[in-house]
């Protein structure tokens, strides 16, 4: 199988010749499900990231197919890839690429380092309005942190707290904990599950908490607008994405059959035109050879 380059549909650290490699596949059910929910619904962040990676793989396969050596050595496979609507997919990919990031999870009791969990988030650097709002959010949070540090640094104030003055977030409000409603001057925002702790937003940061809530409401609106825009771009090209996936699958199948035959030392029998029958001596089914039930090579 003398191609000098392989299609970009295999892992970077592997190849189709690694027959023992554990295969991980991407299905296209998310496309069908997204379309079935209607044009007015938005895809999930994970689905947008999925679309980004899938379209990128299709485009790379299309680019591979027009390499000079592929067109010369494997013209049939090059022809198969011509059915990919490269121009349309390039346009939608330009819109959605790098729009979603994978963020490391926060540390928790079950995952102290935060390495076992993750979340998806919009890449604010691609959306200026969202970037501005997030910068405002960070600025307000920094102000709140500064005020709370000054409050907790007072021994008299800290003595009224439950714990060492750790801050918590309850329904979007930054709070401290106390065991008495008279402990901290501020607005109670709730209680712990057992009712032993009271979450109080100190009066010194209530105005900043109001600003923070307002900015986060704006962020939600902007994020929904961005998601809706990206989702429409993807769903409008569902048929072309699905067709591209079918092309990639077909190329993968061709390689799989060729590599399987090479690894199994098989060959294609000649079938004559008279009677449509063949005679094969010492034939062994490939599955039997894989299972080592026979020492003979299959045809």
Protein backbone atom coordinates (compact mmCIF):
# COMPACT_ATOMS: atom_id res chain seq x y z
CA UNK A 1 0.00 0.00 0.00
CA UNK A 2 2.43 2.56 -1.33
CA UNK A 3 0.91 5.94 -0.40
CA UNK A 4 3.48 8.33 1.02
CA UNK A 5 0.95 10.04 3.29
CA UNK A 6 -2.07 8.86 5.23
CA UNK A 7 -5.40 10.68 5.50
CA UNK A 8 -5.66 12.80 8.68
CA UNK A 9 -8.28 10.56 10.23
CA UNK A 10 -5.96 8.49 12.40
CA UNK A 11 -4.34 9.39 15.74
CA UNK A 12 -1.08 11.29 15.48
CA UNK A 13 0.71 8.57 17.45
CA UNK A 14 -0.81 5.72 15.45
CA UNK A 15 -1.70 4.59 11.91
CA UNK A 16 -4.13 2.20 10.19
CA UNK A 17 -1.43 -0.47 10.43
CA UNK A 18 -1.78 -0.56 14.24
CA UNK A 19 -4.51 -3.19 14.18
CA UNK A 20 -4.48 -3.54 17.97
CA UNK A 21 -5.14 0.17 18.52
CA UNK A 22 -8.35 0.88 20.40
CA UNK A 23 -10.57 2.87 18.06
CA UNK A 24 -12.55 5.88 19.28
CA UNK A 25 -15.21 7.10 16.87
CA UNK A 26 -17.33 10.22 16.59
CA UNK A 27 -20.90 9.59 15.53
CA UNK A 28 -23.19 12.13 13.93
CA UNK A 29 -26.21 11.67 16.19
CA UNK A 30 -25.63 15.12 17.68
CA UNK A 31 -26.33 16.57 14.23
CA UNK A 32 -29.65 14.80 13.89
CA UNK A 33 -30.67 15.58 17.47
CA UNK A 34 -29.75 19.25 17.06
CA UNK A 35 -31.81 19.51 13.89
CA UNK A 36 -34.79 17.66 15.41
CA UNK A 37 -35.01 20.21 18.23
CA UNK A 38 -35.73 22.97 15.74
CA UNK A 39 -33.97 26.06 14.44
CA UNK A 40 -34.94 28.15 17.46
CA UNK A 41 -32.96 25.98 19.88
CA UNK A 42 -29.24 26.31 20.51
CA UNK A 43 -26.69 23.51 20.56
CA UNK A 44 -24.76 22.79 23.73
CA UNK A 45 -21.21 24.11 24.06
CA UNK A 46 -19.88 20.56 23.84
CA UNK A 47 -21.77 20.02 20.56
CA UNK A 48 -20.32 23.21 19.05
CA UNK A 49 -16.81 22.07 20.01
CA UNK A 50 -17.63 18.68 18.49
CA UNK A 51 -18.73 20.35 15.25
CA UNK A 52 -15.52 22.40 15.18
CA UNK A 53 -13.35 19.28 15.43
CA UNK A 54 -15.41 17.19 13.01
CA UNK A 55 -15.53 19.86 10.28
CA UNK A 56 -11.80 20.48 10.72
CA UNK A 57 -11.14 16.76 10.20
CA UNK A 58 -13.31 16.70 7.07
CA UNK A 59 -11.49 19.73 5.63
CA UNK A 60 -8.08 18.19 6.36
CA UNK A 61 -9.18 15.00 4.59
CA UNK A 62 -10.27 17.05 1.58
CA UNK A 63 -6.90 18.83 1.56
CA UNK A 64 -5.10 15.48 1.78
CA UNK A 65 -7.03 14.18 -1.25
CA UNK A 66 -5.65 16.89 -3.56
CA UNK A 67 -2.02 16.30 -2.70
CA UNK A 68 -0.07 15.50 -5.84
CA UNK A 69 1.01 12.03 -4.73
CA UNK A 70 -2.52 11.07 -3.69
CA UNK A 71 -4.00 12.20 -7.00
CA UNK A 72 -1.31 10.19 -8.79
CA UNK A 73 -1.20 7.04 -6.64
CA UNK A 74 -4.84 6.86 -5.50
CA UNK A 75 -7.01 8.76 -8.00
CA UNK A 76 -10.14 6.86 -6.97
CA UNK A 77 -9.85 8.00 -3.35
CA UNK A 78 -9.09 11.51 -4.48
CA UNK A 79 -12.25 11.42 -6.58
CA UNK A 80 -14.34 10.25 -3.60
CA UNK A 81 -13.26 13.29 -1.58
CA UNK A 82 -14.34 15.69 -4.31
CA UNK A 83 -17.93 15.34 -3.14
CA UNK A 84 -17.00 17.27 0.05
CA UNK A 85 -18.40 20.81 -0.14
CA UNK A 86 -15.13 22.39 0.95
CA UNK A 87 -16.13 26.01 0.38
CA UNK A 88 -19.30 25.82 2.50
CA UNK A 89 -17.58 23.90 5.30
CA UNK A 90 -14.65 26.34 5.33
CA UNK A 91 -17.07 29.24 5.83
CA UNK A 92 -18.89 27.63 8.77
CA UNK A 93 -15.62 26.44 10.30
CA UNK A 94 -14.21 29.96 10.12
CA UNK A 95 -17.22 31.09 12.18
CA UNK A 96 -17.09 28.42 14.86
CA UNK A 97 -13.41 27.41 15.18
CA UNK A 98 -11.92 27.98 18.64
CA UNK A 99 -15.26 29.35 19.88
CA UNK A 100 -15.44 26.84 22.74
CA UNK A 101 -12.70 26.06 25.23
CA UNK A 102 -12.26 23.15 27.62
CA UNK A 103 -11.57 24.48 31.10
CA UNK A 104 -9.96 22.59 33.94
CA UNK A 105 -12.38 21.81 36.75
CA UNK A 106 -12.25 23.40 40.16
CA UNK A 107 -10.68 21.59 43.08
CA UNK A 108 -13.09 19.73 45.31
CA UNK A 109 -13.07 17.18 48.12
CA UNK A 110 -13.25 14.29 45.62
CA UNK A 111 -10.86 15.96 43.17
CA UNK A 112 -8.39 18.16 45.11
CA UNK A 113 -6.27 18.98 42.06
CA UNK A 114 -9.20 19.56 39.73
CA UNK A 115 -7.62 17.34 37.07
CA UNK A 116 -10.46 14.80 36.88
CA UNK A 117 -13.18 17.25 35.92
CA UNK A 118 -13.63 19.84 33.23
CA UNK A 119 -16.21 22.20 31.78
CA UNK A 120 -16.88 23.96 28.49
CA UNK A 121 -16.88 27.72 28.07
CA UNK A 122 -17.14 30.26 25.28
CA UNK A 123 -13.84 31.73 24.19
CA UNK A 124 -14.42 35.38 25.10
CA UNK A 125 -11.43 36.52 23.01
CA UNK A 126 -13.52 35.81 19.90
CA UNK A 127 -16.50 37.85 21.09
CA UNK A 128 -15.65 41.45 22.13
CA UNK A 129 -18.94 42.16 23.92
CA UNK A 130 -18.50 39.08 26.08
CA UNK A 131 -14.85 39.93 26.71
CA UNK A 132 -15.76 43.40 28.02
CA UNK A 133 -18.40 42.01 30.38
CA UNK A 134 -16.04 39.37 31.76
CA UNK A 135 -13.40 42.01 32.41
CA UNK A 136 -15.98 44.03 34.33
CA UNK A 137 -16.93 40.92 36.29
CA UNK A 138 -13.28 40.28 37.20
CA UNK A 139 -12.85 43.91 38.29
CA UNK A 140 -15.87 43.78 40.61
CA UNK A 141 -14.77 40.43 42.06
CA UNK A 142 -11.35 41.94 42.79
CA UNK A 143 -13.02 44.84 44.63
CA UNK A 144 -15.16 42.43 46.65
CA UNK A 145 -12.11 40.33 47.56
CA UNK A 146 -10.23 43.44 48.72
CA UNK A 147 -13.10 44.60 50.95
CA UNK A 148 -13.61 41.14 52.45
CA UNK A 149 -9.91 40.78 53.20
CA UNK A 150 -9.98 44.06 55.09
CA UNK A 151 -13.06 42.97 57.05
CA UNK A 152 -11.67 39.55 57.95
CA UNK A 153 -8.33 41.04 58.97
CA UNK A 154 -10.13 42.61 61.94
CA UNK A 155 -10.03 40.20 64.89
CA UNK A 156 -13.31 41.57 66.21
CA UNK A 157 -15.06 40.99 62.88
CA UNK A 158 -13.45 37.59 62.33
CA UNK A 159 -14.61 36.41 65.77
CA UNK A 160 -18.19 36.64 64.52
CA UNK A 161 -17.54 34.32 61.60
CA UNK A 162 -17.89 30.58 61.41
CA UNK A 163 -14.50 29.42 60.22
CA UNK A 164 -11.57 31.42 58.94
CA UNK A 165 -13.51 33.90 56.85
CA UNK A 166 -13.84 31.87 53.67
CA UNK A 167 -16.13 33.40 51.11
CA UNK A 168 -18.87 31.45 49.34
CA UNK A 169 -21.24 32.14 46.49
CA UNK A 170 -24.96 31.62 47.06
CA UNK A 171 -27.33 32.31 44.17
CA UNK A 172 -24.76 34.62 42.62
CA UNK A 173 -24.11 36.60 45.83
CA UNK A 174 -20.77 36.59 47.65
CA UNK A 175 -21.30 35.70 51.32
CA UNK A 176 -19.55 34.88 54.58
CA UNK A 177 -20.78 32.39 57.16
CA UNK A 178 -21.85 32.95 60.75
CA UNK A 179 -23.78 31.00 63.35
CA UNK A 180 -25.88 33.94 64.52
CA UNK A 181 -28.12 36.35 62.60
CA UNK A 182 -26.65 39.11 64.78
CA UNK A 183 -23.09 38.17 63.97
CA UNK A 184 -22.55 40.12 60.75
CA UNK A 185 -24.33 43.29 59.63
CA UNK A 186 -25.67 42.53 56.18
CA UNK A 187 -28.33 40.65 54.22
CA UNK A 188 -28.96 36.95 54.98
CA UNK A 189 -28.82 34.95 51.76
CA UNK A 190 -29.63 31.47 53.07
CA UNK A 191 -28.65 28.69 55.44
CA UNK A 192 -26.58 25.53 55.24
CA UNK A 193 -28.28 22.17 54.71
CA UNK A 194 -28.44 21.48 58.44
CA UNK A 195 -29.32 25.08 59.31
CA UNK A 196 -26.28 25.53 61.54
CA UNK A 197 -24.65 28.17 59.34
CA UNK A 198 -26.14 31.40 58.05
CA UNK A 199 -24.89 32.86 54.76
CA UNK A 200 -24.70 36.64 55.04
CA UNK A 201 -23.71 39.20 52.44
CA UNK A 202 -21.86 41.95 54.34
CA UNK A 203 -23.42 45.40 53.91
CA UNK A 204 -20.07 46.73 52.68
CA UNK A 205 -20.31 44.70 49.44
CA UNK A 206 -24.08 44.69 48.77
CA UNK A 207 -23.82 47.46 46.14
CA UNK A 208 -21.03 45.55 44.38
CA UNK A 209 -23.13 42.39 44.56
CA UNK A 210 -25.95 44.24 42.77
CA UNK A 211 -23.52 45.35 40.04
CA UNK A 212 -22.17 41.83 39.73
CA UNK A 213 -25.67 40.36 39.32
CA UNK A 214 -26.52 42.95 36.65
CA UNK A 215 -23.35 42.24 34.67
CA UNK A 216 -23.90 38.49 34.89
CA UNK A 217 -27.44 38.92 33.59
CA UNK A 218 -26.00 40.80 30.61
CA UNK A 219 -23.43 38.07 30.12
CA UNK A 220 -26.16 35.43 30.01
CA UNK A 221 -28.00 37.37 27.31
CA UNK A 222 -24.84 37.82 25.21
CA UNK A 223 -23.82 34.17 25.63
CA UNK A 224 -27.26 33.00 24.52
CA UNK A 225 -27.04 35.24 21.45
CA UNK A 226 -23.62 33.84 20.58
CA UNK A 227 -24.78 30.24 21.06
CA UNK A 228 -27.83 30.82 18.89
CA UNK A 229 -25.69 32.36 16.13
CA UNK A 230 -23.13 29.53 16.17
CA UNK A 231 -25.86 26.88 16.30
CA UNK A 232 -27.65 28.31 13.25
CA UNK A 233 -24.40 28.37 11.28
CA UNK A 234 -23.83 24.69 12.06
CA UNK A 235 -27.41 23.48 11.57
CA UNK A 236 -27.70 25.26 8.22
CA UNK A 237 -24.92 23.01 6.92
CA UNK A 238 -26.02 19.76 8.56
CA UNK A 239 -26.46 17.89 5.27
CA UNK A 240 -23.00 18.94 4.04
CA UNK A 241 -21.36 17.99 7.34
CA UNK A 242 -23.10 14.63 7.28
CA UNK A 243 -22.02 14.05 3.68
CA UNK A 244 -18.45 14.92 4.61
CA UNK A 245 -18.53 12.45 7.48
CA UNK A 246 -19.73 9.75 5.07
CA UNK A 247 -16.76 10.48 2.80
CA UNK A 248 -14.32 10.22 5.71
CA UNK A 249 -15.95 6.94 6.76
CA UNK A 250 -15.64 5.60 3.22
CA UNK A 251 -11.93 6.48 3.04
CA UNK A 252 -11.40 4.89 6.46
CA UNK A 253 -13.16 1.73 5.28
CA UNK A 254 -10.93 1.51 2.18
CA UNK A 255 -7.81 1.79 4.31
CA UNK A 256 -9.17 -0.68 6.85
CA UNK A 257 -9.82 -3.32 4.20
CA UNK A 258 -6.45 -2.77 2.53
CA UNK A 259 -4.50 -2.88 5.79
CA UNK A 260 -6.44 -5.91 7.02
CA UNK A 261 -5.58 -7.77 3.82
CA UNK A 262 -1.93 -6.77 4.15
CA UNK A 263 -1.66 -7.80 7.81
CA UNK A 264 -3.45 -11.10 7.13
CA UNK A 265 -1.26 -11.77 4.07
CA UNK A 266 -4.39 -12.15 1.98
CA UNK A 267 -4.89 -11.63 -1.74
CA UNK A 268 -7.79 -11.00 -4.08
CA UNK A 269 -8.82 -14.07 -6.09
CA UNK A 270 -9.37 -13.82 -9.82
CA UNK A 271 -13.00 -14.46 -10.76
CA UNK A 272 -13.50 -15.66 -14.31
CA UNK A 273 -16.41 -14.71 -16.53
CA UNK A 274 -17.57 -18.28 -17.07
CA UNK A 275 -19.92 -19.57 -14.42
CA UNK A 276 -18.86 -17.06 -11.76
CA UNK A 277 -17.12 -19.76 -9.66
CA UNK A 278 -13.66 -19.82 -8.13
CA UNK A 279 -11.44 -22.55 -6.79
CA UNK A 280 -9.31 -21.69 -3.76
CA UNK A 281 -7.00 -24.22 -2.18
CA UNK A 282 -6.27 -24.17 1.55
CA UNK A 283 -8.80 -21.42 2.12
CA UNK A 284 -9.03 -20.21 5.72
CA UNK A 285 -11.54 -17.63 6.92
CA UNK A 286 -9.75 -14.46 8.17
CA UNK A 287 -11.53 -14.61 11.54
CA UNK A 288 -10.17 -18.10 12.17
CA UNK A 289 -6.66 -16.84 11.48
CA UNK A 290 -7.11 -13.87 13.81
CA UNK A 291 -8.30 -16.26 16.52
CA UNK A 292 -5.24 -18.45 15.84
CA UNK A 293 -7.36 -21.51 15.04
CA UNK A 294 -5.27 -22.11 11.98
CA UNK A 295 -1.65 -21.58 10.96
CA UNK A 296 -2.58 -21.13 7.31
CA UNK A 297 -2.88 -17.77 5.64
CA UNK A 298 -6.33 -16.66 4.51
CA UNK A 299 -7.26 -15.59 1.04
